[in-house]
Amino acid sequence: MSINEDPNPAVNPLESATHEPLIAAPGIEPTPRRSLFAILRPSSQSAFSATLLLMASTFLSGVLGLVRTYYINRIFGASPETDAYNAAFQLPDMLAYFLVGGVVSISLVTILSRYRAQNDEAGADRALSIILTAMATVLLIGIVLAEIFAPYYTHIAFRGFDPHRAALCTTLTRLLLPAQFFFFFGGVIGSRLLVRKIFLYQAISPLIYNAGIILGAIFLHQRFGIYSLAIGVLVGVILGPATLNLFGALRDGLRYTPILNLRHPAFLEWLRLTFPLMIGVSLVTADKWILSYFASNDVGGISLLTVAKTLFTAPMGILGQAAGAASLPFFSALYSQHRFEDFASAVNRSVSRVIAASFLLGAWMIALANPIVNLLRGSFTFAETHATALYFTLFTLSIAFWAAQGIYARSFYAAGNTITPATAGWIVTLVSIPIYAFLFHTLGLKGLTIASDIGIVIQTVTLALLLNRRKLVRLSGLELRELSGSLLAAVISFAGAAAAVHLIPLGHGHIRNLLIIAAATLVWAALCFATLHLTGSKLLQQIRSRIA
């Protein structure tokens, strides 16, 4: 989990054992509907209500994330200070990634679910207590060491920083390091809520986190400058992921006892499940580290790339909901039942759908890149706004690969193979670094965005070929007709939306930009619908069935 990203639930309820796929597998009955009041309760047994709740949370969190980006741009712009602020997240993120596997609850939910299935609530709380105590101790030691060695890390990781940016980055890093402890704590406690299908607190947490940063920027920037953002991060993560999840867990009967037992079976199992996450560095994670390393040579470079990447990843949250529909638990169930053909079909169906949706979403993002960035430009200059829109566009070209690689990686996990994707991730990352270096020295920041696209293409194709080679998921099973129809719809809708954008001159007012985005979106949606309907796409039918 990156503390520079929205802290959405580590385990999506759409990916929990309760979720039914978009097209139910044989023998799986769809979850019955619930009333509106059931959706709003902290606890719900319905995957439908959890889906609505988390989709609403994702949407609102995305909106707040854009508001956060706007205020940071407006107050601080693309300055050396914002470079230092964005870079300051890197060491805390790496610390959490390598010490606790980044997202602790992915493996912890599996363990706690088994205790719950055995009706052993005391055993589950004891296992949680042991894991939390042990890894909190390790993480706290790591944070203390990171606080000490932060200046050396900044010097190595951001060689392009001048002394002022380096010193500021070091101070901000030291302020942000404790936030990872509260993210870890919230992730462990939150896993207990997820096992009990309690999603309300997980849904509200990212909203509080974003609100903390926004309020810190608005009310504290005059007194504390760029440090106001770090203060907002700390307040947001303490009140959101940590305190709110703790309140929910205590309300649900959590009994925590500080126990340090490194030989307990639950701890050893958690370590076994999480260790591949600790050592397996894929380009999905390393991309932002590599981008920051090279971009530190340009004043404002990290800030511009961060804004472009934030705008790129915001819609990916919604797309991730769709990708999670036939993800890890569903794949695992099919594989564990030795239904290998159904497993391969489910993976290919999920990949085909997410790529098809990515084509359409990418067309919208590229067509509206200029008005979107112009809406959030804040105090950016015209040149900085134009550059950010270009980087955003280039990042978006690879959106289908970013979405598909997550499903391919989960396919390996479902088959009980975490070593292969971890090894492939390391190799792809090492191979990609020279590409980043060459294109940066050739084309500057634009070259970095192109290198990012090339790297994720290599990552996705590598995973797909490895699955094909091991006869787990055949590439020939992709729904090529569906993909070609969606690609055609993307091209046509992009042309229409881009034409609508150019018919209305861009202005500096927010109302004008919003009108442009709204008008172009209507054109895009109409052309997508018409083209998909004429080509006989199944995507529309699937969307209608989910709404119905």
Protein backbone atom coordinates (compact mmCIF):
# COMPACT_ATOMS: atom_id res chain seq x y z
CA MET A 1 0.00 0.00 0.00
CA SER A 2 1.34 3.35 -0.98
CA ILE A 3 0.59 6.18 1.43
CA ASN A 4 0.51 8.44 -1.60
CA GLU A 5 -2.50 6.54 -2.90
CA ASP A 6 -6.04 6.16 -1.64
CA PRO A 7 -6.14 3.52 1.10
CA ASN A 8 -8.93 1.46 -0.40
CA PRO A 9 -9.64 -1.86 1.30
CA ALA A 10 -6.73 -4.21 0.91
CA VAL A 11 -9.06 -7.05 0.05
CA ASN A 12 -11.90 -5.96 -2.13
CA PRO A 13 -15.22 -7.51 -1.16
CA LEU A 14 -15.67 -8.14 -4.84
CA GLU A 15 -12.71 -10.47 -4.47
CA SER A 16 -13.90 -12.12 -1.28
CA ALA A 17 -15.27 -15.58 -1.06
CA THR A 18 -18.78 -14.18 -1.04
CA HIS A 19 -18.67 -12.63 -4.46
CA GLU A 20 -20.32 -14.19 -7.49
CA PRO A 21 -18.74 -13.68 -10.92
CA LEU A 22 -20.39 -11.64 -13.62
CA ILE A 23 -21.53 -14.90 -15.16
CA ALA A 24 -22.03 -17.46 -12.43
CA ALA A 25 -20.20 -20.72 -12.74
CA PRO A 26 -22.21 -23.95 -12.78
CA GLY A 27 -23.53 -24.69 -9.33
CA ILE A 28 -23.06 -21.16 -8.03
CA GLU A 29 -26.28 -19.36 -7.23
CA PRO A 30 -26.34 -15.57 -7.45
CA THR A 31 -26.66 -13.68 -4.17
CA PRO A 32 -30.22 -12.50 -3.50
CA ARG A 33 -30.98 -8.81 -3.36
CA ARG A 34 -31.05 -6.91 -0.13
CA SER A 35 -32.93 -3.85 0.95
CA LEU A 36 -31.37 -0.40 0.99
CA PHE A 37 -31.14 -0.58 4.79
CA ALA A 38 -29.10 -3.78 4.55
CA ILE A 39 -26.66 -2.01 2.25
CA LEU A 40 -26.13 0.74 4.81
CA ARG A 41 -25.61 -1.56 7.79
CA PRO A 42 -22.00 -2.07 8.96
CA SER A 43 -22.41 -5.80 8.46
CA SER A 44 -23.99 -7.42 5.44
CA GLN A 45 -23.93 -10.96 4.10
CA SER A 46 -24.81 -9.74 0.59
CA ALA A 47 -22.18 -9.44 -2.10
CA PHE A 48 -24.59 -7.14 -3.93
CA SER A 49 -24.74 -4.64 -1.08
CA ALA A 50 -20.97 -4.85 -0.55
CA THR A 51 -20.46 -4.19 -4.24
CA LEU A 52 -22.61 -1.08 -4.16
CA LEU A 53 -21.00 0.16 -0.97
CA LEU A 54 -17.43 -0.25 -2.20
CA MET A 55 -18.22 1.12 -5.66
CA ALA A 56 -19.70 4.21 -4.02
CA SER A 57 -16.64 4.46 -1.78
CA THR A 58 -14.28 4.08 -4.72
CA PHE A 59 -16.11 6.76 -6.67
CA LEU A 60 -16.20 9.22 -3.77
CA SER A 61 -12.59 8.48 -2.91
CA GLY A 62 -11.64 9.13 -6.52
CA VAL A 63 -13.49 12.46 -6.45
CA LEU A 64 -11.74 13.45 -3.22
CA GLY A 65 -8.44 12.32 -4.72
CA LEU A 66 -8.96 14.73 -7.61
CA VAL A 67 -9.91 17.50 -5.18
CA ARG A 68 -6.72 16.73 -3.25
CA THR A 69 -4.69 16.95 -6.46
CA TYR A 70 -6.35 20.25 -7.36
CA TYR A 71 -5.55 21.91 -4.03
CA ILE A 72 -1.97 20.66 -4.03
CA ASN A 73 -1.53 22.01 -7.56
CA ARG A 74 -3.24 25.27 -6.70
CA ILE A 75 -1.34 25.97 -3.48
CA PHE A 76 2.10 24.55 -4.27
CA GLY A 77 2.22 24.04 -8.06
CA ALA A 78 4.96 21.98 -9.71
CA SER A 79 7.68 23.25 -7.40
CA PRO A 80 10.80 21.85 -5.74
CA GLU A 81 8.69 21.53 -2.59
CA THR A 82 6.10 19.29 -4.24
CA ASP A 83 8.90 17.25 -5.79
CA ALA A 84 10.28 16.65 -2.30
CA TYR A 85 6.81 15.86 -0.92
CA ASN A 86 6.00 13.29 -3.59
CA ALA A 87 9.45 11.73 -3.33
CA ALA A 88 9.13 11.49 0.45
CA PHE A 89 6.56 8.68 0.12
CA GLN A 90 9.02 6.33 -1.52
CA LEU A 91 11.06 5.12 1.47
CA PRO A 92 7.95 4.53 3.66
CA ASP A 93 6.32 2.60 0.83
CA MET A 94 9.42 0.46 0.25
CA LEU A 95 9.73 -0.22 3.96
CA ALA A 96 6.17 -1.52 4.18
CA TYR A 97 6.51 -3.46 0.93
CA PHE A 98 9.61 -5.40 1.95
CA LEU A 99 8.88 -5.83 5.68
CA VAL A 100 5.17 -6.71 5.73
CA GLY A 101 4.43 -7.55 2.13
CA GLY A 102 2.72 -4.27 1.31
CA VAL A 103 -0.85 -5.46 1.84
CA VAL A 104 -0.88 -7.59 4.97
CA SER A 105 -4.55 -8.56 4.93
CA ILE A 106 -4.39 -10.46 1.63
CA SER A 107 -2.85 -13.45 3.42
CA LEU A 108 -4.34 -12.78 6.86
CA VAL A 109 -7.92 -13.01 5.57
CA THR A 110 -7.22 -16.57 4.40
CA ILE A 111 -6.04 -17.60 7.86
CA LEU A 112 -8.82 -15.88 9.79
CA SER A 113 -11.46 -17.28 7.42
CA ARG A 114 -10.40 -20.81 8.33
CA TYR A 115 -10.70 -20.08 12.06
CA ARG A 116 -14.14 -18.58 11.48
CA ALA A 117 -15.24 -21.60 9.47
CA GLN A 118 -14.23 -23.75 12.47
CA ASN A 119 -16.22 -21.42 14.78
CA ASP A 120 -13.01 -20.69 16.70
CA GLU A 121 -13.32 -16.95 17.34
CA ALA A 122 -10.86 -17.05 20.26
CA GLY A 123 -8.29 -18.81 18.09
CA ALA A 124 -8.76 -16.23 15.34
CA ASP A 125 -8.21 -13.33 17.73
CA ARG A 126 -5.17 -15.06 19.19
CA ALA A 127 -3.70 -15.59 15.70
CA LEU A 128 -4.37 -11.96 14.83
CA SER A 129 -2.76 -10.83 18.09
CA ILE A 130 0.38 -12.87 17.46
CA ILE A 131 0.79 -11.67 13.87
CA LEU A 132 0.05 -8.06 14.76
CA THR A 133 2.46 -8.05 17.70
CA ALA A 134 5.32 -9.71 15.82
CA MET A 135 5.12 -7.67 12.64
CA ALA A 136 4.36 -4.41 14.42
CA THR A 137 7.60 -4.93 16.33
CA VAL A 138 9.51 -5.60 13.14
CA LEU A 139 7.93 -2.63 11.39
CA LEU A 140 8.64 -0.26 14.29
CA ILE A 141 12.30 -1.32 14.29
CA GLY A 142 12.38 -0.76 10.53
CA ILE A 143 10.83 2.70 10.91
CA VAL A 144 13.43 3.70 13.50
CA LEU A 145 16.26 2.54 11.24
CA ALA A 146 14.68 4.31 8.27
CA GLU A 147 14.46 7.52 10.28
CA ILE A 148 18.20 7.27 10.93
CA PHE A 149 19.26 6.43 7.38
CA ALA A 150 16.73 8.62 5.54
CA PRO A 151 19.36 11.18 4.40
CA TYR A 152 21.49 8.46 2.82
CA TYR A 153 18.49 6.95 1.05
CA THR A 154 17.47 10.35 -0.33
CA HIS A 155 20.98 10.90 -1.66
CA ILE A 156 20.98 7.53 -3.46
CA ALA A 157 17.38 7.42 -4.69
CA PHE A 158 17.15 11.05 -5.87
CA ARG A 159 20.57 11.94 -7.18
CA GLY A 160 19.16 14.83 -9.18
CA PHE A 161 17.97 16.71 -6.08
CA ASP A 162 19.86 19.84 -5.10
CA PRO A 163 20.73 20.26 -1.38
CA HIS A 164 17.49 22.14 -0.66
CA ARG A 165 15.21 19.52 -2.19
CA ALA A 166 17.24 16.68 -0.64
CA ALA A 167 17.05 18.16 2.87
CA LEU A 168 13.32 18.87 2.53
CA CYS A 169 12.66 15.37 1.17
CA THR A 170 14.53 13.85 4.11
CA THR A 171 12.51 15.82 6.67
CA LEU A 172 9.21 14.96 4.98
CA THR A 173 10.23 11.31 4.74
CA ARG A 174 10.84 11.22 8.47
CA LEU A 175 7.41 12.76 9.07
CA LEU A 176 5.67 10.24 6.80
CA LEU A 177 7.42 7.07 7.99
CA PRO A 178 5.15 6.55 11.06
CA ALA A 179 2.10 6.58 8.76
CA GLN A 180 3.06 3.11 7.52
CA PHE A 181 2.64 1.69 11.01
CA PHE A 182 -0.94 2.95 11.15
CA PHE A 183 -1.64 1.61 7.65
CA PHE A 184 -0.28 -1.76 8.74
CA PHE A 185 -2.29 -1.69 11.95
CA GLY A 186 -5.45 -0.75 10.07
CA GLY A 187 -4.83 -3.49 7.51
CA VAL A 188 -4.52 -6.18 10.16
CA ILE A 189 -7.57 -5.01 12.09
CA GLY A 190 -9.48 -4.47 8.86
CA SER A 191 -8.88 -8.07 7.81
CA ARG A 192 -10.97 -9.18 10.78
CA LEU A 193 -13.82 -6.99 9.56
CA LEU A 194 -13.53 -8.30 6.02
CA VAL A 195 -13.79 -11.91 7.21
CA ARG A 196 -17.06 -10.93 8.91
CA LYS A 197 -18.28 -9.19 5.76
CA ILE A 198 -18.23 -5.79 7.48
CA PHE A 199 -17.30 -3.31 4.77
CA LEU A 200 -18.66 0.01 6.00
CA TYR A 201 -15.54 1.05 7.91
CA GLN A 202 -13.30 0.00 5.01
CA ALA A 203 -15.43 2.10 2.69
CA ILE A 204 -15.22 5.24 4.83
CA SER A 205 -11.49 5.02 5.63
CA PRO A 206 -10.17 6.35 2.29
CA LEU A 207 -12.60 9.26 2.47
CA ILE A 208 -11.23 10.31 5.86
CA TYR A 209 -7.67 9.88 4.63
CA ASN A 210 -8.20 12.12 1.61
CA ALA A 211 -10.13 14.64 3.69
CA GLY A 212 -7.20 14.87 6.10
CA ILE A 213 -4.79 15.86 3.33
CA ILE A 214 -7.23 18.31 1.77
CA LEU A 215 -8.01 20.02 5.06
CA GLY A 216 -4.34 20.12 5.97
CA ALA A 217 -3.51 21.83 2.69
CA ILE A 218 -6.34 24.37 2.97
CA PHE A 219 -6.04 25.37 6.62
CA LEU A 220 -2.39 24.75 7.49
CA HIS A 221 -0.39 25.66 4.38
CA GLN A 222 0.12 29.29 5.35
CA ARG A 223 1.67 28.30 8.67
CA PHE A 224 3.46 25.07 7.82
CA GLY A 225 3.96 25.24 4.06
CA ILE A 226 4.50 21.89 2.35
CA TYR A 227 4.62 20.23 5.79
CA SER A 228 0.86 20.78 6.00
CA LEU A 229 0.39 17.91 3.53
CA ALA A 230 2.45 15.52 5.67
CA ILE A 231 0.45 16.55 8.73
CA GLY A 232 -2.75 15.85 6.78
CA VAL A 233 -1.45 12.40 5.82
CA LEU A 234 -0.71 11.49 9.43
CA VAL A 235 -4.04 12.78 10.74
CA GLY A 236 -5.94 11.10 7.91
CA VAL A 237 -4.33 7.68 8.33
CA ILE A 238 -4.66 7.72 12.13
CA LEU A 239 -8.34 8.71 12.09
CA GLY A 240 -9.23 6.68 9.00
CA PRO A 241 -7.59 3.27 8.40
CA ALA A 242 -6.30 2.89 11.99
CA THR A 243 -8.89 4.32 14.39
CA LEU A 244 -12.02 3.66 12.36
CA ASN A 245 -11.13 0.01 11.73
CA LEU A 246 -10.19 -0.42 15.38
CA PHE A 247 -13.54 1.03 16.44
CA GLY A 248 -15.36 -1.37 14.12
CA ALA A 249 -13.36 -4.38 15.31
CA LEU A 250 -13.84 -3.58 19.01
CA ARG A 251 -17.53 -3.02 18.38
CA ASP A 252 -17.60 -6.48 16.79
CA GLY A 253 -15.93 -8.09 19.80
CA LEU A 254 -12.19 -8.08 19.05
CA ARG A 255 -10.07 -9.37 21.93
CA TYR A 256 -6.44 -8.37 21.38
CA THR A 257 -3.66 -9.72 23.62
CA PRO A 258 -0.02 -8.70 23.03
CA ILE A 259 1.68 -12.05 22.39
CA LEU A 260 5.13 -12.51 20.84
CA ASN A 261 5.31 -16.11 19.62
CA LEU A 262 7.29 -16.53 16.41
CA ARG A 263 6.72 -20.31 16.40
CA HIS A 264 2.94 -20.20 16.47
CA PRO A 265 1.48 -22.09 13.45
CA ALA A 266 -0.66 -19.11 12.42
CA PHE A 267 2.36 -16.79 12.32
CA LEU A 268 4.44 -19.30 10.36
CA GLU A 269 1.58 -19.79 7.89
CA TRP A 270 1.15 -16.03 7.48
CA LEU A 271 4.89 -15.66 6.92
CA ARG A 272 4.85 -18.42 4.32
CA LEU A 273 1.96 -16.82 2.47
CA THR A 274 3.37 -13.30 2.68
CA PHE A 275 7.05 -13.96 2.02
CA PRO A 276 6.65 -14.09 -1.79
CA LEU A 277 4.94 -10.68 -1.59
CA MET A 278 7.96 -9.35 0.29
CA ILE A 279 10.60 -10.54 -2.16
CA GLY A 280 8.64 -10.35 -5.41
CA VAL A 281 9.22 -6.91 -6.88
CA SER A 282 7.23 -6.45 -10.08
CA LEU A 283 7.28 -3.47 -12.39
CA VAL A 284 3.78 -2.63 -11.14
CA THR A 285 5.40 -1.57 -7.87
CA ALA A 286 8.86 -0.56 -9.08
CA ASP A 287 7.56 1.70 -11.87
CA LYS A 288 6.97 4.68 -9.58
CA TRP A 289 10.36 4.20 -7.93
CA ILE A 290 12.16 4.20 -11.27
CA LEU A 291 10.17 7.18 -12.55
CA SER A 292 11.06 9.23 -9.46
CA TYR A 293 14.74 8.30 -9.66
CA PHE A 294 15.16 9.70 -13.16
CA ALA A 295 12.61 12.53 -12.84
CA SER A 296 14.51 13.95 -9.84
CA ASN A 297 16.92 15.45 -12.36
CA ASP A 298 14.22 17.89 -13.55
CA VAL A 299 12.82 20.50 -11.16
CA GLY A 300 9.07 19.86 -11.02
CA GLY A 301 9.45 16.60 -12.94
CA ILE A 302 8.34 14.32 -10.11
CA SER A 303 5.34 16.58 -9.45
CA LEU A 304 4.17 16.57 -13.06
CA LEU A 305 4.54 12.80 -13.43
CA THR A 306 2.79 12.24 -10.10
CA VAL A 307 -0.22 14.30 -11.19
CA ALA A 308 -0.35 12.51 -14.54
CA LYS A 309 -0.06 9.12 -12.85
CA THR A 310 -2.71 10.04 -10.27
CA LEU A 311 -5.15 10.99 -13.01
CA PHE A 312 -4.33 7.75 -14.81
CA THR A 313 -4.84 5.51 -11.77
CA ALA A 314 -8.04 7.16 -10.54
CA PRO A 315 -10.31 5.45 -13.14
CA MET A 316 -8.35 2.23 -12.62
CA GLY A 317 -10.02 1.94 -9.21
CA ILE A 318 -13.41 1.55 -10.86
CA LEU A 319 -11.96 -0.75 -13.51
CA GLY A 320 -10.39 -2.83 -10.76
CA GLN A 321 -13.86 -3.52 -9.39
CA ALA A 322 -14.77 -5.16 -12.69
CA ALA A 323 -11.48 -7.04 -12.82
CA GLY A 324 -12.08 -8.38 -9.31
CA ALA A 325 -15.38 -9.98 -10.32
CA ALA A 326 -13.71 -13.22 -11.41
CA SER A 327 -10.51 -12.91 -9.47
CA LEU A 328 -8.47 -14.75 -6.88
CA PRO A 329 -11.10 -16.53 -4.72
CA PHE A 330 -13.21 -17.56 -7.72
CA PHE A 331 -10.13 -18.77 -9.62
CA SER A 332 -8.86 -20.60 -6.52
CA ALA A 333 -12.17 -22.42 -6.09
CA LEU A 334 -12.14 -23.66 -9.67
CA TYR A 335 -8.50 -24.72 -9.54
CA SER A 336 -8.81 -26.47 -6.18
CA GLN A 337 -11.76 -28.44 -7.59
CA HIS A 338 -9.54 -29.52 -10.52
CA ARG A 339 -11.88 -27.79 -12.95
CA PHE A 340 -8.94 -26.70 -15.04
CA GLU A 341 -10.89 -25.98 -18.21
CA ASP A 342 -13.34 -23.81 -16.29
CA PHE A 343 -10.37 -22.13 -14.59
CA ALA A 344 -8.75 -21.26 -17.92
CA SER A 345 -12.07 -20.08 -19.36
CA ALA A 346 -12.75 -17.88 -16.34
CA VAL A 347 -9.33 -16.23 -16.57
CA ASN A 348 -9.64 -15.60 -20.30
CA ARG A 349 -13.16 -14.27 -19.87
CA SER A 350 -12.03 -11.88 -17.14
CA VAL A 351 -9.00 -10.72 -19.13
CA SER A 352 -11.12 -10.20 -22.24
CA ARG A 353 -13.70 -8.16 -20.36
CA VAL A 354 -11.20 -5.96 -18.56
CA ILE A 355 -9.24 -5.30 -21.76
CA ALA A 356 -12.46 -4.48 -23.62
CA ALA A 357 -13.50 -2.06 -20.87
CA SER A 358 -9.97 -0.61 -20.84
CA PHE A 359 -10.18 0.20 -24.55
CA LEU A 360 -13.35 2.20 -23.99
CA LEU A 361 -12.16 3.91 -20.83
CA GLY A 362 -8.79 4.70 -22.38
CA ALA A 363 -10.48 6.33 -25.36
CA TRP A 364 -12.42 8.62 -23.02
CA MET A 365 -9.32 9.49 -20.98
CA ILE A 366 -7.16 10.34 -23.99
CA ALA A 367 -9.86 12.38 -25.73
CA LEU A 368 -10.49 14.44 -22.58
CA ALA A 369 -6.89 14.66 -21.36
CA ASN A 370 -6.56 18.41 -21.94
CA PRO A 371 -9.79 19.58 -20.26
CA ILE A 372 -9.27 17.15 -17.34
CA VAL A 373 -5.75 18.40 -16.64
CA ASN A 374 -6.83 22.00 -17.30
CA LEU A 375 -9.57 21.57 -14.69
CA LEU A 376 -7.02 20.49 -12.06
CA ARG A 377 -4.07 22.62 -13.14
CA GLY A 378 -4.15 24.90 -10.11
CA SER A 379 -1.14 27.20 -10.39
CA PHE A 380 0.53 25.17 -13.16
CA THR A 381 1.88 27.23 -16.04
CA PHE A 382 0.56 26.64 -19.55
CA ALA A 383 3.69 24.63 -20.41
CA GLU A 384 3.35 22.49 -17.27
CA THR A 385 -0.34 21.87 -17.98
CA HIS A 386 0.37 20.86 -21.57
CA ALA A 387 3.20 18.56 -20.47
CA THR A 388 1.04 16.90 -17.80
CA ALA A 389 -1.74 16.26 -20.32
CA LEU A 390 0.82 14.66 -22.65
CA TYR A 391 2.19 12.41 -19.90
CA PHE A 392 -1.36 11.47 -18.87
CA THR A 393 -2.15 10.53 -22.47
CA LEU A 394 0.99 8.43 -22.84
CA PHE A 395 0.35 6.58 -19.57
CA THR A 396 -3.20 5.84 -20.69
CA LEU A 397 -2.00 4.06 -23.83
CA SER A 398 -1.05 1.08 -21.65
CA ILE A 399 -4.21 0.97 -19.50
CA ALA A 400 -5.34 -2.40 -20.90
CA PHE A 401 -2.01 -4.01 -19.98
CA TRP A 402 -2.07 -2.54 -16.47
CA ALA A 403 -5.52 -4.06 -15.94
CA ALA A 404 -4.79 -7.45 -17.52
CA GLN A 405 -1.51 -8.14 -15.71
CA GLY A 406 -3.30 -8.13 -12.34
CA ILE A 407 -5.61 -10.92 -13.47
CA TYR A 408 -2.75 -12.96 -14.92
CA ALA A 409 -0.78 -12.62 -11.68
CA ARG A 410 -3.79 -13.73 -9.64
CA SER A 411 -4.12 -16.77 -11.89
CA PHE A 412 -0.72 -17.94 -10.71
CA TYR A 413 -1.65 -17.30 -7.08
CA ALA A 414 -4.87 -19.28 -7.52
CA ALA A 415 -2.83 -22.20 -8.85
CA GLY A 416 -0.65 -22.04 -5.72
CA ASN A 417 2.35 -20.66 -7.60
CA THR A 418 3.79 -17.44 -6.19
CA ILE A 419 7.41 -18.07 -7.14
CA THR A 420 6.96 -17.82 -10.92
CA PRO A 421 5.32 -14.36 -10.98
CA ALA A 422 7.80 -13.13 -8.35
CA THR A 423 10.78 -14.32 -10.39
CA ALA A 424 9.32 -12.97 -13.61
CA GLY A 425 8.67 -9.64 -11.90
CA TRP A 426 12.29 -9.28 -10.87
CA ILE A 427 13.58 -10.18 -14.33
CA VAL A 428 11.18 -7.83 -16.14
CA THR A 429 12.07 -5.00 -13.73
CA LEU A 430 15.82 -5.46 -14.26
CA VAL A 431 15.37 -5.67 -18.04
CA SER A 432 13.21 -2.55 -18.06
CA ILE A 433 15.59 -0.26 -16.13
CA PRO A 434 17.95 0.27 -19.12
CA ILE A 435 14.88 1.13 -21.24
CA TYR A 436 13.87 3.83 -18.76
CA ALA A 437 17.43 5.17 -18.69
CA PHE A 438 17.82 5.26 -22.47
CA LEU A 439 14.46 6.89 -23.19
CA PHE A 440 14.89 9.42 -20.38
CA HIS A 441 18.28 10.54 -21.68
CA THR A 442 16.83 10.61 -25.22
CA LEU A 443 13.37 12.14 -24.70
CA GLY A 444 13.34 13.40 -21.11
CA LEU A 445 10.19 12.97 -19.01
CA LYS A 446 8.19 11.99 -22.07
CA GLY A 447 10.61 9.14 -22.58
CA LEU A 448 9.96 7.92 -19.04
CA THR A 449 6.23 7.61 -19.71
CA ILE A 450 6.93 5.67 -22.91
CA ALA A 451 9.35 3.41 -21.01
CA SER A 452 6.65 2.81 -18.39
CA ASP A 453 4.29 1.68 -21.14
CA ILE A 454 6.89 -0.62 -22.68
CA GLY A 455 7.73 -2.11 -19.30
CA ILE A 456 4.14 -2.97 -18.38
CA VAL A 457 3.59 -4.49 -21.83
CA ILE A 458 6.61 -6.75 -21.24
CA GLN A 459 5.31 -7.62 -17.78
CA THR A 460 1.83 -8.54 -19.03
CA VAL A 461 2.99 -10.49 -22.08
CA THR A 462 5.53 -12.40 -19.96
CA LEU A 463 2.87 -13.52 -17.48
CA ALA A 464 0.48 -14.48 -20.28
CA LEU A 465 3.14 -16.51 -22.09
CA LEU A 466 4.19 -18.28 -18.88
CA LEU A 467 0.57 -19.23 -18.17
CA ASN A 468 0.24 -20.47 -21.75
CA ARG A 469 3.50 -22.41 -21.59
CA ARG A 470 2.43 -24.15 -18.39
CA LYS A 471 -0.92 -24.96 -20.04
CA LEU A 472 -2.80 -23.16 -17.30
CA VAL A 473 -4.42 -20.49 -19.48
CA ARG A 474 -4.24 -20.68 -23.25
CA LEU A 475 -3.86 -17.38 -25.10
CA SER A 476 -6.09 -18.79 -27.82
CA GLY A 477 -8.97 -18.64 -25.35
CA LEU A 478 -9.19 -14.84 -25.40
CA GLU A 479 -12.45 -13.49 -26.83
CA LEU A 480 -10.97 -11.88 -29.92
CA ARG A 481 -14.32 -10.91 -31.42
CA GLU A 482 -15.28 -9.05 -28.26
CA LEU A 483 -11.90 -7.35 -28.13
CA SER A 484 -12.05 -6.25 -31.77
CA GLY A 485 -15.55 -4.86 -31.32
CA SER A 486 -14.51 -2.90 -28.24
CA LEU A 487 -11.41 -1.60 -30.00
CA LEU A 488 -13.55 -0.38 -32.89
CA ALA A 489 -15.95 1.28 -30.44
CA ALA A 490 -12.97 2.89 -28.68
CA VAL A 491 -11.59 4.34 -31.91
CA ILE A 492 -14.96 5.72 -33.02
CA SER A 493 -15.89 7.11 -29.60
CA PHE A 494 -12.46 8.70 -29.24
CA ALA A 495 -12.86 10.47 -32.58
CA GLY A 496 -16.28 11.81 -31.59
CA ALA A 497 -15.23 12.90 -28.09
CA ALA A 498 -12.04 14.53 -29.37
CA ALA A 499 -14.04 16.43 -31.99
CA ALA A 500 -16.45 17.63 -29.30
CA VAL A 501 -13.51 18.88 -27.19
CA HIS A 502 -12.03 20.83 -30.08
CA LEU A 503 -15.37 22.41 -31.04
CA ILE A 504 -15.48 24.20 -27.66
CA PRO A 505 -12.37 26.32 -27.05
CA LEU A 506 -10.64 25.57 -23.77
CA GLY A 507 -10.87 28.33 -21.21
CA HIS A 508 -9.54 28.92 -17.76
CA GLY A 509 -12.88 28.69 -15.98
CA HIS A 510 -13.87 25.51 -14.19
CA ILE A 511 -17.45 25.73 -15.46
CA ARG A 512 -16.29 25.78 -19.08
CA ASN A 513 -14.02 22.78 -18.54
CA LEU A 514 -16.79 20.86 -16.79
CA LEU A 515 -19.17 21.62 -19.67
CA ILE A 516 -16.59 20.41 -22.17
CA ILE A 517 -16.04 17.19 -20.21
CA ALA A 518 -19.79 16.62 -19.86
CA ALA A 519 -20.53 17.24 -23.55
CA ALA A 520 -17.66 15.09 -24.78
CA THR A 521 -18.60 12.32 -22.34
CA LEU A 522 -22.16 12.22 -23.73
CA VAL A 523 -20.80 11.93 -27.26
CA TRP A 524 -18.35 9.23 -26.18
CA ALA A 525 -21.05 7.22 -24.38
CA ALA A 526 -23.49 7.45 -27.28
CA LEU A 527 -20.91 6.30 -29.83
CA CYS A 528 -19.72 3.48 -27.55
CA PHE A 529 -23.27 2.24 -27.09
CA ALA A 530 -24.13 2.45 -30.79
CA THR A 531 -20.95 0.71 -31.94
CA LEU A 532 -21.14 -2.05 -29.35
CA HIS A 533 -24.79 -2.62 -30.19
CA LEU A 534 -24.11 -2.84 -33.92
CA THR A 535 -21.19 -5.22 -33.44
CA GLY A 536 -23.22 -7.49 -31.18
CA SER A 537 -20.97 -7.03 -28.18
CA LYS A 538 -21.76 -8.98 -25.01
CA LEU A 539 -20.45 -6.13 -22.88
CA LEU A 540 -23.72 -4.21 -23.01
CA GLN A 541 -25.71 -7.28 -22.04
CA GLN A 542 -23.39 -7.94 -19.10
CA ILE A 543 -23.72 -4.34 -17.89
CA ARG A 544 -27.51 -4.49 -18.20
CA SER A 545 -27.65 -7.77 -16.27
CA ARG A 546 -25.58 -6.33 -13.43
CA ILE A 547 -27.76 -3.22 -13.24
CA ALA A 548 -30.93 -5.31 -13.39
